[in-house]
Amino acid sequence: MALSISLSVLLLIIVVMLVNKAGLKTAHALICVLLGFYLASSSVAPTIDDLTTNVANMIGDVKL
């Protein structure tokens, strides 16, 4: 059975864990979120999207 999870949900879970367990301050997490929004509207967004898509496909192609 394959488990599919959105990258956004996975990153949200990681940020929540970092805030709770690793001492990441909420202000730092908010700054990271704002950076993500600004990157999404910049000219580098398609490159980042291609990179994450290629990495996800590469991980998905790994046979255990």
C-alpha atoms as a PDB file:
ATOM      1  CA  MET A   1       0.000   0.000   0.000  1.00  0.00           C
ATOM      2  CA  ALA A   2       1.434   3.360  -1.015  1.00  0.00           C
ATOM      3  CA  LEU A   3       0.992   6.350   1.232  1.00  0.00           C
ATOM      4  CA  SER A   4       0.633   9.685  -0.504  1.00  0.00           C
ATOM      5  CA  ILE A   5       0.996  12.934   1.420  1.00  0.00           C
ATOM      6  CA  SER A   6       1.135  16.485   0.189  1.00  0.00           C
ATOM      7  CA  LEU A   7       4.514  18.169   0.456  1.00  0.00           C
ATOM      8  CA  SER A   8       2.811  21.141   2.087  1.00  0.00           C
ATOM      9  CA  VAL A   9       1.342  18.927   4.809  1.00  0.00           C
ATOM     10  CA  LEU A  10       4.683  17.210   5.347  1.00  0.00           C
ATOM     11  CA  LEU A  11       6.505  20.547   5.673  1.00  0.00           C
ATOM     12  CA  LEU A  12       3.822  21.824   8.049  1.00  0.00           C
ATOM     13  CA  ILE A  13       4.292  18.767  10.266  1.00  0.00           C
ATOM     14  CA  ILE A  14       8.058  19.288  10.262  1.00  0.00           C
ATOM     15  CA  VAL A  15       7.709  22.964  11.212  1.00  0.00           C
ATOM     16  CA  VAL A  16       5.273  22.148  14.031  1.00  0.00           C
ATOM     17  CA  MET A  17       7.678  19.518  15.349  1.00  0.00           C
ATOM     18  CA  LEU A  18      10.579  21.959  15.171  1.00  0.00           C
ATOM     19  CA  VAL A  19       8.601  24.607  17.046  1.00  0.00           C
ATOM     20  CA  ASN A  20       7.574  22.129  19.758  1.00  0.00           C
ATOM     21  CA  LYS A  21      10.666  19.969  20.166  1.00  0.00           C
ATOM     22  CA  ALA A  22      13.745  21.699  18.726  1.00  0.00           C
ATOM     23  CA  GLY A  23      13.196  25.178  20.090  1.00  0.00           C
ATOM     24  CA  LEU A  24      12.340  26.867  16.809  1.00  0.00           C
ATOM     25  CA  LYS A  25      10.685  30.120  17.707  1.00  0.00           C
ATOM     26  CA  THR A  26       7.297  30.887  16.229  1.00  0.00           C
ATOM     27  CA  ALA A  27       8.640  34.160  14.799  1.00  0.00           C
ATOM     28  CA  HIS A  28      11.328  32.232  12.911  1.00  0.00           C
ATOM     29  CA  ALA A  29       8.732  29.847  11.502  1.00  0.00           C
ATOM     30  CA  LEU A  30       6.598  32.799  10.350  1.00  0.00           C
ATOM     31  CA  ILE A  31       9.604  34.351   8.640  1.00  0.00           C
ATOM     32  CA  CYS A  32      10.188  31.066   6.818  1.00  0.00           C
ATOM     33  CA  VAL A  33       6.544  31.029   5.707  1.00  0.00           C
ATOM     34  CA  LEU A  34       6.835  34.595   4.410  1.00  0.00           C
ATOM     35  CA  LEU A  35      10.017  33.657   2.548  1.00  0.00           C
ATOM     36  CA  GLY A  36       8.114  30.802   0.934  1.00  0.00           C
ATOM     37  CA  PHE A  37       5.352  33.129  -0.241  1.00  0.00           C
ATOM     38  CA  TYR A  38       7.846  35.587  -1.687  1.00  0.00           C
ATOM     39  CA  LEU A  39       9.780  32.799  -3.424  1.00  0.00           C
ATOM     40  CA  ALA A  40       6.538  31.434  -4.876  1.00  0.00           C
ATOM     41  CA  SER A  41       5.828  34.760  -6.544  1.00  0.00           C
ATOM     42  CA  SER A  42       9.382  35.304  -7.781  1.00  0.00           C
ATOM     43  CA  SER A  43      10.991  34.339 -11.064  1.00  0.00           C
ATOM     44  CA  VAL A  44      12.841  31.467  -9.397  1.00  0.00           C
ATOM     45  CA  ALA A  45       9.563  29.666  -8.515  1.00  0.00           C
ATOM     46  CA  PRO A  46       9.476  27.462 -11.662  1.00  0.00           C
ATOM     47  CA  THR A  47      13.038  26.326 -11.011  1.00  0.00           C
ATOM     48  CA  ILE A  48      12.209  25.414  -7.409  1.00  0.00           C
ATOM     49  CA  ASP A  49       9.080  23.588  -8.575  1.00  0.00           C
ATOM     50  CA  ASP A  50      11.059  21.617 -11.166  1.00  0.00           C
ATOM     51  CA  LEU A  51      13.710  20.736  -8.589  1.00  0.00           C
ATOM     52  CA  THR A  52      11.224  19.487  -6.000  1.00  0.00           C
ATOM     53  CA  THR A  53       9.279  17.560  -8.639  1.00  0.00           C
ATOM     54  CA  ASN A  54      12.450  15.866  -9.891  1.00  0.00           C
ATOM     55  CA  VAL A  55      13.581  14.972  -6.366  1.00  0.00           C
ATOM     56  CA  ALA A  56      10.125  13.585  -5.515  1.00  0.00           C
ATOM     57  CA  ASN A  57      10.130  11.508  -8.710  1.00  0.00           C
ATOM     58  CA  MET A  58      13.640  10.251  -7.951  1.00  0.00           C
ATOM     59  CA  ILE A  59      12.583   9.204  -4.439  1.00  0.00           C
ATOM     60  CA  GLY A  60       9.436   7.590  -5.841  1.00  0.00           C
ATOM     61  CA  ASP A  61      11.472   5.537  -8.305  1.00  0.00           C
ATOM     62  CA  VAL A  62      13.630   3.974  -5.572  1.00  0.00           C
ATOM     63  CA  LYS A  63      12.920   0.250  -5.295  1.00  0.00           C
ATOM     64  CA  LEU A  64      13.451  -1.290  -1.860  1.00  0.00           C
END
